[in-house]
N, C-alpha and C. Protein backbone atom coordinates (compact mmCIF):
# COMPACT_ATOMS: atom_id res chain seq x y z
N MET A 1 0.69 -1.38 0.06
CA MET A 1 -0.12 -0.08 0.36
C MET A 1 0.80 1.36 0.36
N GLY A 2 0.13 2.43 -0.56
CA GLY A 2 1.03 3.92 0.17
C GLY A 2 1.60 4.30 0.70
N GLN A 3 2.33 4.78 1.08
CA GLN A 3 2.98 5.95 2.09
C GLN A 3 2.15 6.72 2.47
N ARG A 4 1.79 6.84 3.66
CA ARG A 4 0.54 7.55 4.89
C ARG A 4 1.21 8.70 5.32
N LEU A 5 0.78 10.13 5.20
CA LEU A 5 1.40 11.16 5.79
C LEU A 5 0.79 10.36 7.57
N PRO A 6 1.81 11.81 8.24
CA PRO A 6 1.21 12.31 9.37
C PRO A 6 -0.28 12.53 9.50
N LEU A 7 -0.86 12.35 10.67
CA LEU A 7 -1.87 12.82 10.58
C LEU A 7 -2.59 14.03 10.45
N CYS A 8 -2.97 14.78 9.91
CA CYS A 8 -3.71 16.31 10.00
C CYS A 8 -5.05 16.52 10.65
N GLU A 9 -5.14 17.72 11.49
CA GLU A 9 -6.69 18.15 11.66
C GLU A 9 -7.59 17.57 10.87
N GLY A 10 -8.93 17.22 11.22
CA GLY A 10 -9.73 17.16 10.51
C GLY A 10 -9.64 15.52 9.70
N ARG A 11 -8.70 14.74 9.67
CA ARG A 11 -8.75 13.91 8.46
C ARG A 11 -8.65 12.72 9.91
N GLY A 12 -8.70 11.54 9.42
CA GLY A 12 -8.85 10.55 10.49
C GLY A 12 -7.45 9.63 9.97
N ALA A 13 -7.41 8.58 10.68
CA ALA A 13 -6.11 7.46 10.66
C ALA A 13 -6.47 6.96 9.40
N GLY A 14 -7.46 7.05 8.22
CA GLY A 14 -7.80 6.25 7.09
C GLY A 14 -7.05 7.54 6.28
N ALA A 15 -6.21 8.43 6.17
CA ALA A 15 -6.29 9.32 5.34
C ALA A 15 -5.05 8.61 3.92
N ALA A 16 -5.56 9.42 2.76
CA ALA A 16 -5.21 8.85 1.61
C ALA A 16 -3.80 9.13 1.49
N PRO A 17 -2.95 8.46 0.34
CA PRO A 17 -1.71 8.41 0.57
C PRO A 17 -1.31 9.45 -0.23
N LEU A 18 -0.29 9.47 -0.30
CA LEU A 18 0.52 11.00 -0.68
C LEU A 18 0.71 11.23 -2.12
N GLY A 19 0.21 11.87 -2.81
CA GLY A 19 -0.27 12.00 -3.90
C GLY A 19 -1.48 11.62 -5.01
N SER A 20 -2.01 11.18 -3.71
CA SER A 20 -3.79 10.46 -4.10
C SER A 20 -4.86 12.11 -3.96
N SER A 21 -4.56 12.82 -2.98
CA SER A 21 -5.71 13.77 -2.83
C SER A 21 -5.23 15.25 -2.87
N PRO A 22 -5.87 16.22 -4.02
CA PRO A 22 -5.55 17.12 -4.42
C PRO A 22 -5.75 18.56 -3.29
N SER A 23 -5.95 18.34 -2.41
CA SER A 23 -6.24 19.12 -0.91
C SER A 23 -5.08 18.89 0.08
N LEU A 24 -4.20 18.92 0.40
CA LEU A 24 -3.22 18.76 1.58
C LEU A 24 -3.14 19.92 3.22
N CYS A 25 -2.76 19.30 4.14
CA CYS A 25 -3.37 19.83 5.06
C CYS A 25 -2.29 20.51 4.89
N PRO A 26 -2.06 21.66 5.59
CA PRO A 26 -1.06 23.17 5.66
C PRO A 26 0.22 22.41 6.24
N ALA A 27 0.32 21.14 7.15
CA ALA A 27 1.82 20.38 7.66
C ALA A 27 2.49 19.99 6.67
N GLU A 28 1.53 19.30 5.44
CA GLU A 28 1.74 18.44 4.34
C GLU A 28 2.09 19.55 3.10
N GLU A 29 1.58 20.46 2.95
CA GLU A 29 1.92 21.72 2.01
C GLU A 29 3.08 21.72 2.34
N GLU A 30 3.35 22.42 3.73
CA GLU A 30 4.50 23.03 4.61
C GLU A 30 6.24 22.26 3.77
N GLU A 31 5.52 20.92 4.32
CA GLU A 31 6.84 19.81 3.92
C GLU A 31 7.07 19.86 2.17
N VAL A 32 6.12 19.55 1.98
CA VAL A 32 6.26 19.54 0.30
C VAL A 32 6.74 20.95 -0.41
N ASP A 33 6.81 22.12 0.38
CA ASP A 33 7.36 23.44 -0.02
C ASP A 33 8.40 23.48 0.30
N LYS A 34 9.00 22.67 1.51
CA LYS A 34 10.56 22.90 2.12
C LYS A 34 11.47 21.84 0.76
N MET A 35 10.69 20.75 0.70
CA MET A 35 11.34 19.98 -0.41
C MET A 35 11.64 20.56 -1.85
N MET A 36 10.60 21.20 -2.40
CA MET A 36 10.32 21.93 -3.76
C MET A 36 11.72 22.89 -3.49
N GLU A 37 11.32 23.56 -2.39
CA GLU A 37 12.46 24.73 -2.34
C GLU A 37 13.99 24.64 -2.04
N GLN A 38 14.03 23.58 -1.46
CA GLN A 38 15.29 22.34 -1.16
C GLN A 38 15.74 22.09 -2.52
N LYS A 39 15.13 21.47 -3.61
CA LYS A 39 15.60 21.08 -4.85
C LYS A 39 15.94 22.20 -5.37
N MET A 40 15.03 23.16 -5.52
CA MET A 40 15.53 24.44 -6.72
C MET A 40 16.74 24.81 -5.87
N LYS A 41 17.08 25.10 -4.67
CA LYS A 41 18.33 25.73 -4.21
C LYS A 41 19.60 24.39 -5.06
N GLU A 42 19.06 23.72 -4.89
CA GLU A 42 20.51 22.25 -5.18
C GLU A 42 20.28 22.57 -6.83
N GLU A 43 19.08 22.51 -7.26
CA GLU A 43 19.77 22.93 -8.75
C GLU A 43 19.88 24.02 -8.95
N GLN A 44 19.69 25.60 -8.91
CA GLN A 44 20.17 26.42 -8.90
C GLN A 44 22.09 26.21 -8.29
N GLU A 45 22.59 26.14 -7.24
CA GLU A 45 23.67 25.45 -7.08
C GLU A 45 24.22 24.76 -8.30
N ARG A 46 23.65 23.84 -8.34
CA ARG A 46 24.52 23.47 -9.84
C ARG A 46 24.91 23.79 -10.95
N ARG A 47 23.67 24.79 -11.20
CA ARG A 47 23.79 25.39 -12.25
C ARG A 47 24.69 27.02 -11.90
N ARG A 48 25.00 27.23 -11.14
CA ARG A 48 25.88 28.42 -10.25
C ARG A 48 27.39 27.38 -11.02
N LYS A 49 27.76 26.30 -9.82
CA LYS A 49 29.02 25.40 -9.89
C LYS A 49 29.22 25.41 -12.10
N LYS A 50 28.08 24.90 -12.24
CA LYS A 50 28.29 24.54 -13.68
C LYS A 50 28.97 25.92 -14.81
N GLU A 51 27.81 27.16 -14.88
CA GLU A 51 28.61 28.43 -15.06
C GLU A 51 29.50 28.77 -14.63
N MET A 52 29.89 29.01 -13.14
CA MET A 52 31.62 29.02 -12.69
C MET A 52 32.63 28.30 -13.47
N GLU A 53 32.23 27.22 -13.35
CA GLU A 53 33.38 26.24 -14.23
C GLU A 53 33.10 26.65 -15.58
N GLU A 54 32.19 26.49 -16.54
CA GLU A 54 32.44 27.30 -17.42
C GLU A 54 33.18 28.33 -18.04
N ARG A 55 32.53 29.37 -17.25
CA ARG A 55 33.24 30.55 -17.01
C ARG A 55 34.91 30.94 -17.00
N MET A 56 35.07 29.93 -16.03
CA MET A 56 36.55 29.65 -15.53
C MET A 56 37.37 28.85 -16.74
N SER A 57 36.68 28.05 -17.32
CA SER A 57 37.26 27.16 -18.54
C SER A 57 37.35 28.11 -19.51
N LEU A 58 36.21 28.91 -19.65
CA LEU A 58 36.18 30.37 -20.49
C LEU A 58 37.79 31.34 -20.56
N GLU A 59 37.98 31.23 -19.46
CA GLU A 59 38.88 32.26 -19.14
C GLU A 59 40.17 31.58 -19.27
N GLU A 60 40.80 30.55 -19.37
CA GLU A 60 41.18 30.00 -19.09
C GLU A 60 41.57 29.29 -20.25
N THR A 61 41.31 29.17 -21.03
CA THR A 61 41.02 28.98 -23.22
C THR A 61 41.86 30.57 -22.97
N LYS A 62 41.14 31.70 -23.03
CA LYS A 62 41.64 32.54 -23.42
C LYS A 62 42.90 33.24 -23.23
N GLU A 63 43.11 32.80 -22.10
CA GLU A 63 44.53 33.07 -21.66
C GLU A 63 45.19 31.82 -22.12
N GLN A 64 45.06 30.56 -22.51
CA GLN A 64 45.81 30.12 -23.26
C GLN A 64 46.04 30.41 -24.80
N ILE A 65 44.67 31.12 -25.61
CA ILE A 65 45.09 31.84 -26.31
C ILE A 65 45.92 32.98 -26.41
N LEU A 66 45.96 33.56 -25.79
CA LEU A 66 46.83 34.88 -25.46
C LEU A 66 48.48 34.49 -25.67
N LYS A 67 48.44 33.28 -24.35
CA LYS A 67 49.72 32.78 -24.18
C LYS A 67 50.21 32.03 -25.86
N LEU A 68 49.29 31.33 -26.25
CA LEU A 68 49.78 31.10 -27.60
C LEU A 68 50.15 31.70 -28.69
N GLN A 69 49.48 32.63 -28.89
CA GLN A 69 49.43 33.86 -29.58
C GLN A 69 50.68 35.18 -29.75
N GLU A 70 50.95 34.93 -28.18
CA GLU A 70 52.41 35.84 -27.89
C GLU A 70 53.43 34.82 -28.85
N LYS A 71 53.89 33.69 -27.92
CA LYS A 71 54.61 32.76 -28.35
C LYS A 71 54.76 33.01 -29.67
N LEU A 72 53.40 32.48 -30.84
CA LEU A 72 53.83 32.68 -31.93
C LEU A 72 54.58 34.07 -32.58
N GLN A 73 53.85 35.40 -32.21
CA GLN A 73 54.43 36.26 -32.32
C GLN A 73 56.37 36.00 -31.95
N ALA A 74 56.65 35.52 -30.99
CA ALA A 74 58.09 35.53 -30.47
C ALA A 74 58.70 34.72 -32.01
N LEU A 75 58.26 33.41 -31.88
CA LEU A 75 58.63 32.70 -33.23
C LEU A 75 58.69 33.09 -34.34
N GLN A 76 57.67 33.77 -34.68
CA GLN A 76 57.63 34.43 -36.25
C GLN A 76 58.80 35.44 -35.96
N GLU A 77 59.03 36.59 -34.92
CA GLU A 77 60.62 37.45 -34.74
C GLU A 77 61.26 36.38 -34.83
N GLU A 78 61.70 35.65 -34.09
CA GLU A 78 63.07 34.69 -34.10
C GLU A 78 63.13 34.26 -36.05
N LYS A 79 62.19 33.91 -36.37
CA LYS A 79 62.23 33.14 -38.01
C LYS A 79 62.75 34.47 -38.79
N HIS A 80 62.32 36.05 -38.50
CA HIS A 80 62.47 36.81 -39.73
C HIS A 80 63.80 36.85 -38.85
N GLN A 81 64.34 36.85 -37.91
CA GLN A 81 65.89 37.06 -37.41
C GLN A 81 66.90 36.25 -37.90
N LEU A 82 66.76 34.68 -37.74
CA LEU A 82 67.11 33.88 -38.43
C LEU A 82 66.96 34.07 -40.10
N PHE A 83 66.11 34.38 -40.46
CA PHE A 83 66.45 34.70 -42.53
C PHE A 83 66.96 35.69 -42.50
N LEU A 84 67.26 36.88 -41.68
CA LEU A 84 68.26 37.59 -42.15
C LEU A 84 69.62 37.35 -41.88
N GLN A 85 69.76 36.69 -41.31
CA GLN A 85 71.40 36.36 -40.47
C GLN A 85 71.56 35.34 -41.99
N LEU A 86 70.68 34.45 -42.23
CA LEU A 86 70.67 33.50 -43.52
C LEU A 86 71.05 34.28 -44.71
N LYS A 87 70.47 35.01 -44.97
CA LYS A 87 70.74 35.73 -46.01
C LYS A 87 72.10 36.48 -46.04
N LYS A 88 72.38 37.49 -44.94
CA LYS A 88 73.39 38.15 -44.90
C LYS A 88 74.85 36.59 -44.64
N VAL A 89 74.57 35.74 -44.49
CA VAL A 89 75.83 34.75 -44.62
C VAL A 89 75.76 34.32 -46.33
N LEU A 90 74.74 34.16 -46.83
CA LEU A 90 74.80 33.76 -48.39
C LEU A 90 74.98 35.02 -49.09
N HIS A 91 74.66 36.31 -48.97
CA HIS A 91 75.83 37.29 -49.49
C HIS A 91 76.70 37.44 -49.41
N GLU A 92 77.50 36.78 -47.91
CA GLU A 92 79.23 37.07 -47.71
C GLU A 92 79.55 35.76 -48.59
N GLU A 93 79.24 34.81 -48.95
CA GLU A 93 79.34 33.64 -49.21
C GLU A 93 79.53 34.13 -50.68
N GLU A 94 78.76 34.52 -51.31
CA GLU A 94 78.43 35.06 -52.27
C GLU A 94 80.15 36.04 -53.13
N LYS A 95 80.23 36.97 -52.30
CA LYS A 95 81.09 37.85 -52.40
C LYS A 95 82.38 37.06 -51.98
N ARG A 96 82.89 36.42 -51.30
CA ARG A 96 83.85 35.21 -51.25
C ARG A 96 83.76 34.76 -52.54
N ARG A 97 82.89 33.67 -52.81
CA ARG A 97 82.90 33.11 -53.95
C ARG A 97 83.73 34.20 -55.54
N ARG A 98 83.04 35.31 -55.39
CA ARG A 98 82.86 35.94 -56.84
C ARG A 98 84.67 36.67 -56.40
N LYS A 99 85.15 36.94 -55.17
CA LYS A 99 86.49 36.93 -55.10
C LYS A 99 87.60 36.02 -55.65
N GLU A 100 87.23 34.97 -55.00
CA GLU A 100 87.94 33.68 -55.22
C GLU A 100 87.90 33.87 -57.04
N GLN A 101 87.31 33.78 -57.59
CA GLN A 101 86.50 33.52 -59.55
C GLN A 101 87.57 34.80 -59.50
N SER A 102 87.67 36.01 -59.04
CA SER A 102 88.20 37.22 -59.59
C SER A 102 89.82 36.89 -59.84
N ASP A 103 90.17 36.25 -58.39
CA ASP A 103 91.54 35.94 -57.97
C ASP A 103 91.94 35.05 -58.89
N MET A 104 91.50 33.75 -59.12
CA MET A 104 91.54 32.99 -59.88
C MET A 104 91.81 33.56 -61.53
N THR A 105 90.91 34.31 -61.91
CA THR A 105 91.02 34.83 -63.46
C THR A 105 92.37 35.53 -63.74
N THR A 106 92.27 36.44 -62.34
CA THR A 106 93.92 37.29 -62.47
C THR A 106 95.03 36.41 -62.48
N LEU A 107 95.03 35.46 -61.92
CA LEU A 107 96.22 34.67 -61.64
C LEU A 107 96.70 33.85 -62.77
N ALA A 108 95.54 33.61 -63.70
CA ALA A 108 95.49 32.68 -64.82
C ALA A 108 95.66 33.85 -65.58
N ALA A 109 95.41 34.78 -65.79
CA ALA A 109 95.82 35.97 -67.44
C ALA A 109 97.41 36.66 -67.09
N ALA A 110 97.94 36.54 -65.23
CA ALA A 110 99.46 37.13 -65.78
C ALA A 110 99.80 35.51 -65.77
N ALA A 111 99.46 34.49 -65.40
CA ALA A 111 100.41 33.19 -66.02
C ALA A 111 100.43 33.03 -67.32
N TYR A 112 99.22 33.63 -67.94
CA TYR A 112 99.19 33.14 -69.53
C TYR A 112 99.80 34.53 -70.03
N GLN A 113 100.16 35.92 -69.38
CA GLN A 113 100.85 36.88 -69.35
C GLN A 113 102.44 36.45 -69.85
N GLN A 114 103.07 35.78 -68.61
CA GLN A 114 104.29 35.38 -67.79
C GLN A 114 104.37 34.10 -69.17
N GLY A 115 103.85 33.56 -69.33
CA GLY A 115 104.08 32.32 -70.34
C GLY A 115 104.17 32.90 -71.02
N MET A 116 103.39 33.28 -72.04
CA MET A 116 103.32 34.05 -73.31
C MET A 116 105.16 35.48 -73.46
N ALA A 117 105.22 35.89 -72.40
CA ALA A 117 106.64 36.17 -72.45
C ALA A 117 107.66 35.75 -72.21
N VAL A 118 107.82 34.59 -71.76
CA VAL A 118 108.89 33.36 -71.57
C VAL A 118 108.75 33.00 -73.24
N HIS A 119 107.56 32.36 -74.25
CA HIS A 119 107.76 32.09 -74.68
C HIS A 119 107.93 33.01 -76.33
N ALA A 120 107.89 34.09 -75.85
CA ALA A 120 108.18 35.33 -76.90
C ALA A 120 109.97 35.21 -76.89
N GLY A 121 110.40 35.35 -75.86
CA GLY A 121 111.63 35.41 -75.62
C GLY A 121 112.85 34.60 -75.93
N THR A 122 112.12 33.13 -75.84
CA THR A 122 112.52 32.31 -76.52
C THR A 122 112.27 32.19 -78.15
N HIS A 123 111.63 32.68 -78.26
CA HIS A 123 111.49 32.90 -79.79
C HIS A 123 112.51 33.47 -80.40
N ILE A 124 112.96 34.42 -79.55
CA ILE A 124 113.20 35.79 -80.28
C ILE A 124 114.73 34.87 -79.64
N LEU A 125 114.86 34.90 -79.02
CA LEU A 125 116.41 33.89 -78.85
C LEU A 125 116.92 33.00 -80.08
N ASN A 126 116.00 32.48 -80.35
CA ASN A 126 115.96 31.47 -81.20
C ASN A 126 116.38 31.96 -82.62
N MET A 127 115.55 32.91 -82.68
CA MET A 127 115.61 33.72 -84.28
C MET A 127 116.81 34.26 -84.71
N GLN A 128 117.34 34.37 -83.43
CA GLN A 128 119.00 35.46 -83.17
C GLN A 128 120.09 34.24 -83.33
N GLY A 129 119.75 33.31 -83.17
CA GLY A 129 120.77 32.07 -83.33
C GLY A 129 121.19 31.75 -81.76
N GLY A 130 120.44 32.31 -81.06
CA GLY A 130 120.58 32.05 -79.82
C GLY A 130 119.93 30.55 -79.28
N TRP A 131 120.22 30.23 -77.81
CA TRP A 131 119.89 28.78 -77.50
C TRP A 131 118.78 28.79 -78.04
N LEU A 132 118.14 26.91 -78.04
CA LEU A 132 117.84 26.69 -78.82
C LEU A 132 116.70 26.07 -77.20
N TRP A 133 115.50 25.75 -76.79
CA TRP A 133 115.16 25.02 -76.26
C TRP A 133 114.23 23.76 -76.29
N ARG A 134 114.34 22.83 -75.78
CA ARG A 134 113.94 22.03 -76.28
C ARG A 134 113.44 21.09 -75.13
């Protein structure tokens, strides 16, 4: 059988089970009101905690985004500096290579001219009846 409520004034021992009678005595209404109020408070507290967690989570996410943006900016600046450094090194390497090429060309031209002078000198000596190189 259903749960019986405490006796209210004007109701006998055969009181109807909880929820079966549309009219409740004041003590029953007060008890139901207290239970409903407690449930509402618990629900409000649960919602408040959930909103607080979501708000904290949102704030933490915003902080993480800001930190990551700062890190990205620092990395982009570092990349830029490294690129400038690489560009400078490549430019210096190109200058060194061109100088070496120029020096080699100058040495080759000097050696060629010296060889031509020696060859011309021996040719002149040969024509004059001097030394003969073999």
